[in-house]
Structures are given as structure tokens and as C-alpha cells.
Amino acid sequence: MADSEIIFVVEESPEGGYQARALGYSIHTQADTLEELRSMLQDAVRCHFEEHARPRVIRLHLVKDEVIPV
């Protein structure tokens, strides 16, 4: 039986846009916008898993590195 969800860590790319990597799976992708990234992640998950083993939900964990001067 498939896991109910797959979790991706999403970070802003140093070159611009966003990059995402799955926790526990070798799935990585990048895109210029979050909307485009969501679509690419859906496609990547569909390609990586067979239908009976595919997670039902993709969860995005957005990570932002922010520096605040003192």
C-alpha cells in the first residue's frame, strides 16, 4: 500500500526560482515560480511511482533563509 503523502523540502534557488527535493526518495526538480514547481512536482511524482503505489498528497515544506542585521 502507498504512503498517504510525500514531503518535499522547497528552497529558493541561488540562481533564482525554486528547487525541491523529496524526503526519502530520489526526486528533485526546480522551477521559476511556485505555481510551476507545483505542476512539475505532480508530474515528477506521477513518473516516479506506479499508480497503485503513488502517494495521494504532496506536502511542501517551504524553507527560507533570512538574515537580520543586529
N, C-alpha and C. Protein backbone atom coordinates (compact mmCIF):
# COMPACT_ATOMS: atom_id res chain seq x y z
N MET A 1 0.83 -1.18 0.00
CA MET A 1 0.00 0.00 0.00
C MET A 1 0.88 1.25 0.00
N ALA A 2 0.46 2.28 -0.70
CA ALA A 2 1.23 3.51 -0.84
C ALA A 2 1.16 4.35 0.43
N ASP A 3 2.24 5.12 0.69
CA ASP A 3 2.19 6.12 1.76
C ASP A 3 1.13 7.15 1.37
N SER A 4 0.51 7.76 2.33
CA SER A 4 -0.55 8.71 2.02
C SER A 4 -0.02 10.04 1.52
N GLU A 5 1.24 10.36 1.83
CA GLU A 5 1.80 11.63 1.36
C GLU A 5 3.30 11.52 1.13
N ILE A 6 3.80 12.44 0.33
CA ILE A 6 5.24 12.57 0.11
C ILE A 6 5.59 14.01 0.45
N ILE A 7 6.70 14.21 1.13
CA ILE A 7 7.09 15.54 1.58
C ILE A 7 8.28 16.03 0.77
N PHE A 8 8.18 17.27 0.30
CA PHE A 8 9.27 17.92 -0.42
C PHE A 8 9.75 19.13 0.37
N VAL A 9 11.06 19.29 0.46
CA VAL A 9 11.67 20.50 1.02
C VAL A 9 11.87 21.45 -0.15
N VAL A 10 11.30 22.65 -0.04
CA VAL A 10 11.38 23.65 -1.11
C VAL A 10 12.20 24.83 -0.61
N GLU A 11 13.20 25.20 -1.41
CA GLU A 11 14.07 26.33 -1.07
C GLU A 11 14.19 27.25 -2.28
N GLU A 12 14.46 28.52 -2.02
CA GLU A 12 14.75 29.44 -3.11
C GLU A 12 16.11 29.06 -3.67
N SER A 13 16.21 29.03 -4.98
CA SER A 13 17.45 28.66 -5.64
C SER A 13 18.38 29.88 -5.71
N PRO A 14 19.69 29.69 -5.50
CA PRO A 14 20.62 30.82 -5.61
C PRO A 14 20.59 31.47 -7.00
N GLU A 15 20.24 30.70 -8.02
CA GLU A 15 20.19 31.22 -9.39
C GLU A 15 18.84 31.87 -9.69
N GLY A 16 17.91 31.83 -8.75
CA GLY A 16 16.57 32.34 -8.95
C GLY A 16 15.58 31.20 -9.05
N GLY A 17 14.34 31.44 -8.72
CA GLY A 17 13.33 30.39 -8.75
C GLY A 17 13.38 29.54 -7.50
N TYR A 18 12.93 28.30 -7.65
CA TYR A 18 12.81 27.39 -6.50
C TYR A 18 13.34 26.01 -6.87
N GLN A 19 13.82 25.30 -5.86
CA GLN A 19 14.24 23.91 -6.03
C GLN A 19 13.59 23.08 -4.94
N ALA A 20 13.26 21.84 -5.29
CA ALA A 20 12.58 20.96 -4.34
C ALA A 20 13.21 19.58 -4.37
N ARG A 21 13.26 18.95 -3.19
CA ARG A 21 13.76 17.57 -3.09
C ARG A 21 12.85 16.79 -2.14
N ALA A 22 12.58 15.57 -2.52
CA ALA A 22 11.71 14.72 -1.71
C ALA A 22 12.49 14.13 -0.54
N LEU A 23 11.83 13.99 0.59
CA LEU A 23 12.44 13.33 1.74
C LEU A 23 12.23 11.82 1.58
N GLY A 24 13.32 11.07 1.52
CA GLY A 24 13.23 9.62 1.44
C GLY A 24 13.16 9.05 0.04
N TYR A 25 13.14 9.90 -0.98
CA TYR A 25 13.07 9.45 -2.37
C TYR A 25 14.03 10.29 -3.20
N SER A 26 14.50 9.75 -4.29
CA SER A 26 15.41 10.49 -5.17
C SER A 26 14.61 11.24 -6.24
N ILE A 27 13.83 12.20 -5.78
CA ILE A 27 13.05 13.05 -6.67
C ILE A 27 13.49 14.49 -6.41
N HIS A 28 13.95 15.16 -7.45
CA HIS A 28 14.41 16.54 -7.37
C HIS A 28 13.88 17.29 -8.59
N THR A 29 13.50 18.54 -8.41
CA THR A 29 13.10 19.36 -9.54
C THR A 29 13.26 20.82 -9.18
N GLN A 30 13.16 21.68 -10.19
CA GLN A 30 13.26 23.12 -9.97
C GLN A 30 12.36 23.84 -10.96
N ALA A 31 12.01 25.09 -10.63
CA ALA A 31 11.13 25.88 -11.48
C ALA A 31 11.31 27.36 -11.15
N ASP A 32 10.82 28.21 -12.03
CA ASP A 32 10.93 29.66 -11.84
C ASP A 32 9.92 30.20 -10.84
N THR A 33 8.74 29.59 -10.75
CA THR A 33 7.70 30.07 -9.85
C THR A 33 7.17 28.91 -9.01
N LEU A 34 6.51 29.25 -7.90
CA LEU A 34 5.92 28.20 -7.06
C LEU A 34 4.79 27.48 -7.80
N GLU A 35 4.03 28.19 -8.59
CA GLU A 35 2.95 27.56 -9.36
C GLU A 35 3.52 26.53 -10.34
N GLU A 36 4.57 26.90 -11.04
CA GLU A 36 5.23 25.99 -11.98
C GLU A 36 5.84 24.81 -11.22
N LEU A 37 6.41 25.07 -10.05
CA LEU A 37 7.02 24.00 -9.25
C LEU A 37 5.97 22.98 -8.82
N ARG A 38 4.81 23.45 -8.40
CA ARG A 38 3.73 22.53 -8.00
C ARG A 38 3.37 21.58 -9.15
N SER A 39 3.23 22.14 -10.33
CA SER A 39 2.90 21.33 -11.51
C SER A 39 4.00 20.32 -11.82
N MET A 40 5.25 20.77 -11.73
CA MET A 40 6.38 19.88 -12.02
C MET A 40 6.49 18.77 -10.96
N LEU A 41 6.16 19.09 -9.71
CA LEU A 41 6.20 18.07 -8.66
C LEU A 41 5.13 17.01 -8.88
N GLN A 42 3.94 17.43 -9.27
CA GLN A 42 2.89 16.47 -9.57
C GLN A 42 3.35 15.52 -10.68
N ASP A 43 3.93 16.08 -11.73
CA ASP A 43 4.41 15.26 -12.84
C ASP A 43 5.54 14.33 -12.40
N ALA A 44 6.46 14.84 -11.58
CA ALA A 44 7.58 14.02 -11.12
C ALA A 44 7.10 12.85 -10.26
N VAL A 45 6.12 13.10 -9.39
CA VAL A 45 5.60 12.03 -8.54
C VAL A 45 4.87 11.00 -9.38
N ARG A 46 4.10 11.45 -10.37
CA ARG A 46 3.40 10.51 -11.26
C ARG A 46 4.40 9.63 -12.03
N CYS A 47 5.51 10.22 -12.44
CA CYS A 47 6.52 9.45 -13.19
C CYS A 47 7.30 8.50 -12.29
N HIS A 48 7.53 8.89 -11.04
CA HIS A 48 8.36 8.09 -10.13
C HIS A 48 7.64 6.86 -9.59
N PHE A 49 6.34 6.98 -9.35
CA PHE A 49 5.56 5.90 -8.74
C PHE A 49 4.57 5.31 -9.73
N GLU A 50 4.38 4.01 -9.62
CA GLU A 50 3.28 3.40 -10.36
C GLU A 50 1.98 3.80 -9.66
N GLU A 51 0.87 3.77 -10.39
CA GLU A 51 -0.39 4.30 -9.87
C GLU A 51 -0.80 3.69 -8.54
N HIS A 52 -0.65 2.37 -8.38
CA HIS A 52 -1.07 1.73 -7.13
C HIS A 52 -0.17 2.08 -5.94
N ALA A 53 1.03 2.57 -6.21
CA ALA A 53 1.99 2.88 -5.14
C ALA A 53 2.16 4.38 -4.93
N ARG A 54 1.44 5.19 -5.68
CA ARG A 54 1.60 6.64 -5.66
C ARG A 54 0.98 7.25 -4.40
N PRO A 55 1.72 8.17 -3.74
CA PRO A 55 1.13 8.90 -2.61
C PRO A 55 -0.07 9.72 -3.08
N ARG A 56 -1.01 9.93 -2.20
CA ARG A 56 -2.22 10.68 -2.57
C ARG A 56 -2.04 12.19 -2.43
N VAL A 57 -1.07 12.61 -1.59
CA VAL A 57 -0.88 14.02 -1.30
C VAL A 57 0.60 14.37 -1.39
N ILE A 58 0.89 15.55 -1.93
CA ILE A 58 2.24 16.12 -1.93
C ILE A 58 2.24 17.25 -0.91
N ARG A 59 3.13 17.16 0.07
CA ARG A 59 3.24 18.21 1.09
C ARG A 59 4.54 18.98 0.82
N LEU A 60 4.43 20.32 0.79
CA LEU A 60 5.59 21.17 0.57
C LEU A 60 6.01 21.80 1.89
N HIS A 61 7.28 21.66 2.20
CA HIS A 61 7.85 22.30 3.38
C HIS A 61 8.74 23.43 2.86
N LEU A 62 8.25 24.67 2.94
CA LEU A 62 8.97 25.82 2.42
C LEU A 62 10.00 26.30 3.43
N VAL A 63 11.26 26.39 3.00
CA VAL A 63 12.36 26.80 3.87
C VAL A 63 12.91 28.12 3.33
N LYS A 64 12.99 29.10 4.20
CA LYS A 64 13.53 30.40 3.78
C LYS A 64 14.64 30.79 4.74
N ASP A 65 15.79 31.08 4.18
CA ASP A 65 16.94 31.51 4.96
C ASP A 65 16.95 33.04 4.97
N GLU A 66 16.78 33.63 6.14
CA GLU A 66 16.71 35.08 6.24
C GLU A 66 17.76 35.58 7.23
N VAL A 67 18.47 36.63 6.84
CA VAL A 67 19.49 37.22 7.70
C VAL A 67 18.98 38.59 8.14
N ILE A 68 19.01 38.82 9.45
CA ILE A 68 18.54 40.09 10.00
C ILE A 68 19.72 40.78 10.69
N PRO A 69 20.04 42.01 10.29
CA PRO A 69 21.14 42.71 10.96
C PRO A 69 20.78 43.07 12.40
N VAL A 70 21.79 43.13 13.25
CA VAL A 70 21.57 43.46 14.67
C VAL A 70 21.84 44.94 14.90
